[in-house]
Amino acid sequence: MYFEQDASLHHIAEKVVAIIGYGIQGKAFAANLRDSGVSVIIGNRPDDYRDAALRDGFDTRPIADAVENASVVILLIPDDAHPEVYRAEIAPHLRQSDLLILAHGFSIRFGQIELRPDVDAALLAPKMFGKPIRQHYTAGSGVPAFIDVIQDVSGQALPRTLAIAKAVGFTRYGVMPVSHVSETELDLFQEQFLTPLLIDATRIAFEILIEAGFDPAAALLDMHASGEMAEMMSEAATAGLYEVIEQQGSPTCRLGVQHYLGTLLGEDVKVKGRAILQQIRDGAFVQILKREADAGYPSLAAYRAMYQTSDLTRTHERLRAAFRSTPV
């Protein structure tokens, strides 16, 4: 693990860092770097994100121009946009021994981009989305991240990447060495297996209670919308998944958990999980993603239309309107 004492901003002193993409991650990275005294420019195409970067006071330029004027380039645009943007606007404008940092190993793992042989390349993957990255930084703490040196031409790829990690706040919590291959597969598995499993479990619980005649608003508040379960999972991140129930649950709660734990999900769920992991590893998901991206993500639009009209979403909207404040 790497912590504060293992990194020094000296390695990027008087260097310009280009953030490519001012979206969910880019906004947080840029703000934290600037507050750490790092010279930051934003590379973004003309769109709402570019306008946001300008409003936030950043030197904002076309992507190629930003790359040409930086020594460290951090790529923070969606995975499906990497090949086109990298080939046309990044690779031709990198200079020898520049450092290219990716926040996700997808493009390298699946051969979507080809690294120039004369530049450094590294993975710096935060294990949190943009908003908490910024919130933790301003509170004086940080979030964990994975790191991997993919290509080291200068001999300085690791210390320079750790300097970026320190400036963004990751070394305050801890930075773990993990290969970009493992990071990619772990991240995709969490997105494709664990996250839908949790969402479906909440939906099923809600539907069972509604079928049994419970008030939808009360049911949703107890199952999810109060934030209690989220707080429990957040506490479990430090205390432990089993330990948090022991520490925070009443005897009734603990007995209920113990009584049914291991009985609700069977071997069929494991079989599905293994199949999803195999689809990730053999590249089948990459083809699915490419077809969707090329077509403008039609299935995402259909999914959005479905959930926006669902009883669960409508109930959640009622709850938001009913309560005067949002849980912190």
Protein backbone atom coordinates (compact mmCIF):
# COMPACT_ATOMS: atom_id res chain seq x y z
CA MET A 1 0.00 0.00 0.00
CA TYR A 2 1.09 3.57 -0.64
CA PHE A 3 0.26 6.39 1.78
CA GLU A 4 1.09 10.08 2.19
CA GLN A 5 4.71 9.46 3.17
CA ASP A 6 5.26 7.37 0.02
CA ALA A 7 4.40 10.17 -2.41
CA SER A 8 5.76 13.64 -3.09
CA LEU A 9 4.38 16.51 -5.16
CA HIS A 10 8.01 17.27 -6.02
CA HIS A 11 7.70 14.85 -8.95
CA ILE A 12 5.09 17.03 -10.65
CA ALA A 13 6.34 20.40 -9.45
CA GLU A 14 6.07 23.03 -12.19
CA LYS A 15 4.42 20.45 -14.46
CA VAL A 16 1.12 21.04 -16.22
CA VAL A 17 -1.55 18.34 -15.83
CA ALA A 18 -4.25 18.01 -18.49
CA ILE A 19 -7.60 16.57 -17.42
CA ILE A 20 -9.32 15.14 -20.48
CA GLY A 21 -13.05 15.18 -19.84
CA TYR A 22 -14.77 17.37 -17.24
CA GLY A 23 -17.46 14.87 -16.24
CA ILE A 24 -18.15 12.88 -13.08
CA GLN A 25 -14.49 12.13 -12.33
CA GLY A 26 -12.86 14.99 -14.21
CA LYS A 27 -14.52 17.71 -12.17
CA ALA A 28 -13.36 16.18 -8.88
CA PHE A 29 -9.82 15.41 -10.09
CA ALA A 30 -9.39 18.93 -11.45
CA ALA A 31 -10.66 20.69 -8.31
CA ASN A 32 -8.50 18.59 -5.97
CA LEU A 33 -5.38 19.01 -8.09
CA ARG A 34 -5.88 22.77 -8.24
CA ASP A 35 -6.38 22.98 -4.48
CA SER A 36 -3.14 21.02 -4.02
CA GLY A 37 -1.27 23.67 -6.00
CA VAL A 38 -0.96 21.74 -9.25
CA SER A 39 -1.25 23.59 -12.57
CA VAL A 40 -4.32 22.17 -14.31
CA ILE A 41 -5.81 22.64 -17.77
CA ILE A 42 -8.98 21.00 -19.05
CA GLY A 43 -9.27 19.34 -22.44
CA ASN A 44 -12.87 18.98 -23.54
CA ARG A 45 -14.97 19.15 -26.69
CA PRO A 46 -17.53 21.97 -26.99
CA ASP A 47 -20.43 20.79 -24.83
CA ASP A 48 -22.06 21.37 -21.45
CA TYR A 49 -19.04 19.91 -19.62
CA ARG A 50 -16.73 22.41 -21.31
CA ASP A 51 -19.07 25.22 -20.26
CA ALA A 52 -19.01 23.92 -16.67
CA ALA A 53 -15.19 23.88 -16.64
CA LEU A 54 -15.11 27.48 -17.83
CA ARG A 55 -17.62 28.51 -15.16
CA ASP A 56 -15.42 26.83 -12.55
CA GLY A 57 -12.51 29.00 -13.64
CA PHE A 58 -10.34 26.44 -15.42
CA ASP A 59 -8.12 27.07 -18.43
CA THR A 60 -10.20 25.04 -20.89
CA ARG A 61 -9.00 24.11 -24.38
CA PRO A 62 -9.58 21.68 -27.23
CA ILE A 63 -8.28 18.23 -26.27
CA ALA A 64 -5.28 18.25 -28.63
CA ASP A 65 -4.21 21.68 -27.39
CA ALA A 66 -4.45 20.56 -23.75
CA VAL A 67 -2.35 17.46 -24.43
CA GLU A 68 0.32 19.47 -26.26
CA ASN A 69 0.72 21.80 -23.32
CA ALA A 70 0.88 19.21 -20.54
CA SER A 71 3.40 16.71 -19.21
CA VAL A 72 0.79 14.55 -17.48
CA VAL A 73 -2.45 13.65 -19.24
CA ILE A 74 -5.32 12.08 -17.26
CA LEU A 75 -7.96 10.43 -19.46
CA LEU A 76 -11.38 10.67 -17.82
CA ILE A 77 -13.88 10.29 -20.65
CA PRO A 78 -16.25 7.31 -21.12
CA ASP A 79 -14.64 4.03 -22.19
CA ASP A 80 -16.42 3.83 -25.55
CA ALA A 81 -15.01 7.24 -26.53
CA HIS A 82 -11.37 6.31 -25.79
CA PRO A 83 -10.39 4.80 -29.17
CA GLU A 84 -11.48 7.73 -31.34
CA VAL A 85 -10.34 10.49 -28.98
CA TYR A 86 -7.03 8.81 -28.18
CA ARG A 87 -6.08 8.13 -31.80
CA ALA A 88 -7.11 11.53 -33.15
CA GLU A 89 -6.54 13.99 -30.32
CA ILE A 90 -4.19 12.48 -27.74
CA ALA A 91 -1.58 10.09 -29.18
CA PRO A 92 -0.32 12.46 -31.92
CA HIS A 93 0.20 15.27 -29.41
CA LEU A 94 1.99 13.42 -26.60
CA ARG A 95 5.71 14.05 -26.23
CA GLN A 96 8.41 11.55 -25.33
CA SER A 97 8.27 10.55 -21.64
CA ASP A 98 4.93 12.26 -21.04
CA LEU A 99 2.75 10.38 -18.55
CA LEU A 100 -0.69 9.13 -19.61
CA ILE A 101 -2.92 8.15 -16.67
CA LEU A 102 -6.14 6.19 -17.06
CA ALA A 103 -8.76 5.92 -14.32
CA HIS A 104 -9.95 2.56 -15.66
CA GLY A 105 -7.98 -0.16 -17.45
CA PHE A 106 -10.74 -1.07 -19.92
CA SER A 107 -9.13 0.39 -23.05
CA ILE A 108 -5.78 -1.26 -22.40
CA ARG A 109 -7.20 -4.58 -21.20
CA PHE A 110 -9.32 -5.02 -24.32
CA GLY A 111 -6.95 -3.48 -26.85
CA GLN A 112 -9.12 -0.46 -27.59
CA ILE A 113 -6.10 1.85 -27.71
CA GLU A 114 -2.45 1.21 -28.55
CA LEU A 115 0.04 2.96 -26.31
CA ARG A 116 2.86 4.88 -27.90
CA PRO A 117 6.14 3.12 -27.01
CA ASP A 118 7.87 6.35 -25.96
CA VAL A 119 5.49 7.49 -23.20
CA ASP A 120 4.79 6.41 -19.66
CA ALA A 121 1.36 4.96 -18.90
CA ALA A 122 -0.28 4.13 -15.59
CA LEU A 123 -3.59 3.22 -14.01
CA LEU A 124 -4.93 5.35 -11.16
CA ALA A 125 -8.42 4.06 -10.44
CA PRO A 126 -10.38 5.61 -7.56
CA LYS A 127 -12.75 3.25 -5.80
CA MET A 128 -15.39 5.96 -5.53
CA PHE A 129 -17.26 8.22 -7.92
CA GLY A 130 -16.55 11.91 -8.34
CA LYS A 131 -18.72 13.61 -5.72
CA PRO A 132 -17.31 11.71 -2.69
CA ILE A 133 -13.77 12.16 -4.06
CA ARG A 134 -14.26 15.91 -3.77
CA GLN A 135 -16.17 15.79 -0.49
CA HIS A 136 -13.59 13.62 1.26
CA TYR A 137 -10.75 15.81 -0.01
CA THR A 138 -12.31 19.04 1.26
CA ALA A 139 -12.97 17.33 4.60
CA GLY A 140 -9.26 16.53 4.91
CA SER A 141 -9.49 12.82 4.10
CA GLY A 142 -9.54 10.79 0.90
CA VAL A 143 -10.82 7.68 -0.85
CA PRO A 144 -8.95 4.49 -1.79
CA ALA A 145 -7.56 3.87 -5.26
CA PHE A 146 -5.81 1.19 -7.31
CA ILE A 147 -2.48 1.90 -9.03
CA ASP A 148 -0.56 0.08 -11.76
CA VAL A 149 2.41 1.11 -13.86
CA ILE A 150 1.55 -0.13 -17.35
CA GLN A 151 4.53 1.30 -19.22
CA ASP A 152 7.61 2.97 -17.72
CA VAL A 153 9.86 4.66 -20.27
CA SER A 154 11.21 7.44 -18.09
CA GLY A 155 11.80 5.37 -14.97
CA GLN A 156 9.59 7.89 -13.15
CA ALA A 157 6.11 6.56 -13.92
CA LEU A 158 5.43 5.31 -10.39
CA PRO A 159 6.58 8.38 -8.41
CA ARG A 160 4.80 10.73 -10.84
CA THR A 161 1.56 8.75 -10.63
CA LEU A 162 1.82 8.64 -6.84
CA ALA A 163 2.29 12.41 -6.87
CA ILE A 164 -1.02 12.74 -8.73
CA ALA A 165 -2.62 10.33 -6.25
CA LYS A 166 -1.38 12.49 -3.38
CA ALA A 167 -2.63 15.70 -4.98
CA VAL A 168 -6.10 14.22 -5.53
CA GLY A 169 -6.19 12.89 -1.97
CA PHE A 170 -5.98 9.13 -2.54
CA THR A 171 -2.83 8.57 -0.48
CA ARG A 172 -4.64 9.98 2.57
CA TYR A 173 -6.68 6.76 2.61
CA GLY A 174 -4.38 4.34 0.79
CA VAL A 175 -3.42 3.35 -2.76
CA MET A 176 -3.26 -0.36 -3.54
CA PRO A 177 -1.14 -1.88 -6.32
CA VAL A 178 -3.49 -3.88 -8.58
CA SER A 179 -2.88 -4.81 -12.20
CA HIS A 180 -4.93 -2.92 -14.78
CA VAL A 181 -6.26 -6.28 -15.99
CA SER A 182 -7.61 -7.21 -12.55
CA GLU A 183 -8.95 -3.68 -11.95
CA THR A 184 -10.91 -3.78 -15.20
CA GLU A 185 -12.43 -7.19 -14.56
CA LEU A 186 -13.24 -6.42 -10.91
CA ASP A 187 -14.93 -3.14 -11.81
CA LEU A 188 -17.01 -4.64 -14.60
CA PHE A 189 -18.06 -7.56 -12.39
CA GLN A 190 -19.20 -5.21 -9.64
CA GLU A 191 -21.23 -3.22 -12.19
CA GLN A 192 -22.73 -6.22 -13.94
CA PHE A 193 -23.32 -8.63 -11.06
CA LEU A 194 -23.30 -7.10 -7.58
CA THR A 195 -24.99 -3.77 -8.38
CA PRO A 196 -27.96 -5.25 -10.30
CA LEU A 197 -28.27 -7.92 -7.59
CA LEU A 198 -28.65 -5.25 -4.90
CA ILE A 199 -31.10 -3.19 -6.96
CA ASP A 200 -33.19 -6.25 -7.80
CA ALA A 201 -33.24 -7.36 -4.15
CA THR A 202 -34.62 -3.95 -3.12
CA ARG A 203 -37.19 -4.01 -5.92
CA ILE A 204 -38.35 -7.52 -5.03
CA ALA A 205 -38.68 -6.64 -1.33
CA PHE A 206 -40.73 -3.56 -2.25
CA GLU A 207 -43.03 -5.55 -4.56
CA ILE A 208 -43.63 -8.28 -1.95
CA LEU A 209 -44.69 -5.68 0.61
CA ILE A 210 -46.99 -3.85 -1.82
CA GLU A 211 -48.63 -7.14 -2.81
CA ALA A 212 -49.19 -7.78 0.92
CA GLY A 213 -51.04 -4.47 1.29
CA PHE A 214 -48.43 -2.24 2.90
CA ASP A 215 -48.36 1.48 2.18
CA PRO A 216 -45.82 1.91 -0.68
CA ALA A 217 -44.25 5.02 0.87
CA ALA A 218 -43.74 3.37 4.26
CA ALA A 219 -42.41 0.22 2.62
CA LEU A 220 -39.89 2.07 0.48
CA LEU A 221 -38.77 4.24 3.38
CA ASP A 222 -38.09 1.15 5.49
CA MET A 223 -36.43 -0.88 2.73
CA HIS A 224 -34.28 1.80 1.15
CA ALA A 225 -35.23 5.47 1.05
CA SER A 226 -34.40 6.37 4.66
CA GLY A 227 -30.73 5.73 3.91
CA GLU A 228 -30.39 3.36 6.88
CA MET A 229 -29.26 0.44 4.73
CA ALA A 230 -26.81 2.68 2.88
CA GLU A 231 -25.38 3.86 6.21
CA MET A 232 -25.06 0.26 7.34
CA MET A 233 -23.15 -0.68 4.17
CA SER A 234 -20.97 2.41 4.50
CA GLU A 235 -20.13 1.45 8.08
CA ALA A 236 -19.43 -2.11 6.90
CA ALA A 237 -16.72 -0.77 4.59
CA THR A 238 -14.58 -0.15 7.68
CA ALA A 239 -16.08 -2.37 10.38
CA GLY A 240 -16.65 -5.45 8.22
CA LEU A 241 -19.71 -6.92 6.53
CA TYR A 242 -20.56 -9.32 9.36
CA GLU A 243 -19.19 -7.15 12.14
CA VAL A 244 -21.45 -4.17 11.39
CA ILE A 245 -24.55 -6.29 12.06
CA GLU A 246 -23.02 -7.44 15.33
CA GLN A 247 -22.10 -3.90 16.35
CA GLN A 248 -25.15 -1.95 15.13
CA GLY A 249 -28.00 -4.47 15.05
CA SER A 250 -30.35 -5.28 17.91
CA PRO A 251 -30.62 -8.93 19.04
CA THR A 252 -33.83 -9.15 16.98
CA CYS A 253 -32.03 -7.83 13.90
CA ARG A 254 -29.04 -10.11 14.40
CA LEU A 255 -31.22 -13.18 14.87
CA GLY A 256 -33.22 -12.34 11.75
CA VAL A 257 -30.08 -11.94 9.67
CA GLN A 258 -28.50 -15.11 11.05
CA HIS A 259 -31.68 -17.13 10.59
CA TYR A 260 -31.97 -16.50 6.83
CA LEU A 261 -28.40 -15.72 5.81
CA GLY A 262 -27.27 -18.20 3.18
CA THR A 263 -30.81 -19.35 2.33
CA LEU A 264 -32.06 -16.61 -0.01
CA LEU A 265 -29.51 -16.88 -2.82
CA GLY A 266 -28.65 -20.31 -4.16
CA GLU A 267 -26.16 -21.99 -6.46
CA ASP A 268 -28.07 -20.67 -9.48
CA VAL A 269 -26.94 -17.13 -8.59
CA LYS A 270 -23.32 -18.29 -8.44
CA VAL A 271 -23.73 -19.93 -11.84
CA LYS A 272 -25.02 -16.65 -13.27
CA GLY A 273 -22.17 -14.74 -11.61
CA ARG A 274 -19.56 -17.07 -13.10
CA ALA A 275 -21.15 -16.68 -16.54
CA ILE A 276 -21.06 -12.88 -16.26
CA LEU A 277 -17.39 -12.97 -15.21
CA GLN A 278 -16.56 -15.23 -18.16
CA GLN A 279 -18.38 -12.86 -20.53
CA ILE A 280 -16.25 -10.01 -19.17
CA ARG A 281 -12.98 -11.91 -19.45
CA ASP A 282 -13.46 -13.32 -22.94
CA GLY A 283 -14.43 -9.95 -24.41
CA ALA A 284 -18.08 -10.73 -25.16
CA PHE A 285 -19.21 -7.73 -23.13
CA VAL A 286 -16.91 -5.46 -25.15
CA GLN A 287 -18.85 -6.39 -28.28
CA ILE A 288 -22.16 -5.73 -26.52
CA LEU A 289 -20.90 -2.32 -25.40
CA LYS A 290 -19.65 -1.47 -28.89
CA ARG A 291 -22.98 -2.34 -30.53
CA GLU A 292 -24.85 -0.28 -27.96
CA ALA A 293 -22.52 2.72 -28.27
CA ASP A 294 -22.61 2.64 -32.08
CA ALA A 295 -26.42 2.64 -31.98
CA GLY A 296 -26.65 5.46 -29.43
CA TYR A 297 -27.43 3.26 -26.41
CA PRO A 298 -31.05 2.34 -27.28
CA SER A 299 -31.37 -0.18 -24.44
CA LEU A 300 -30.40 2.49 -21.90
CA ALA A 301 -33.15 4.75 -23.19
CA ALA A 302 -35.68 1.90 -22.95
CA TYR A 303 -34.51 1.06 -19.43
CA ARG A 304 -34.79 4.70 -18.36
CA ALA A 305 -38.35 4.90 -19.70
CA MET A 306 -39.25 1.72 -17.82
CA TYR A 307 -37.90 2.69 -14.42
CA GLN A 308 -39.16 6.28 -14.58
CA THR A 309 -42.74 4.99 -14.75
CA SER A 310 -42.29 2.19 -12.19
CA ASP A 311 -44.16 2.15 -8.88
CA LEU A 312 -40.87 2.23 -7.01
CA THR A 313 -39.69 5.43 -8.74
CA ARG A 314 -43.05 7.15 -8.38
CA THR A 315 -43.14 6.25 -4.70
CA HIS A 316 -39.62 7.63 -4.26
CA GLU A 317 -40.71 10.90 -5.89
CA ARG A 318 -43.60 11.14 -3.41
CA LEU A 319 -41.21 10.58 -0.52
CA ARG A 320 -38.78 13.25 -1.72
CA ALA A 321 -41.66 15.71 -1.93
CA ALA A 322 -43.04 14.72 1.48
CA PHE A 323 -39.85 15.15 3.49
CA ARG A 324 -38.52 18.64 4.04
CA SER A 325 -34.87 17.66 4.01
CA THR A 326 -32.67 15.15 2.26
CA PRO A 327 -30.75 12.71 4.47
CA VAL A 328 -27.05 13.67 4.59
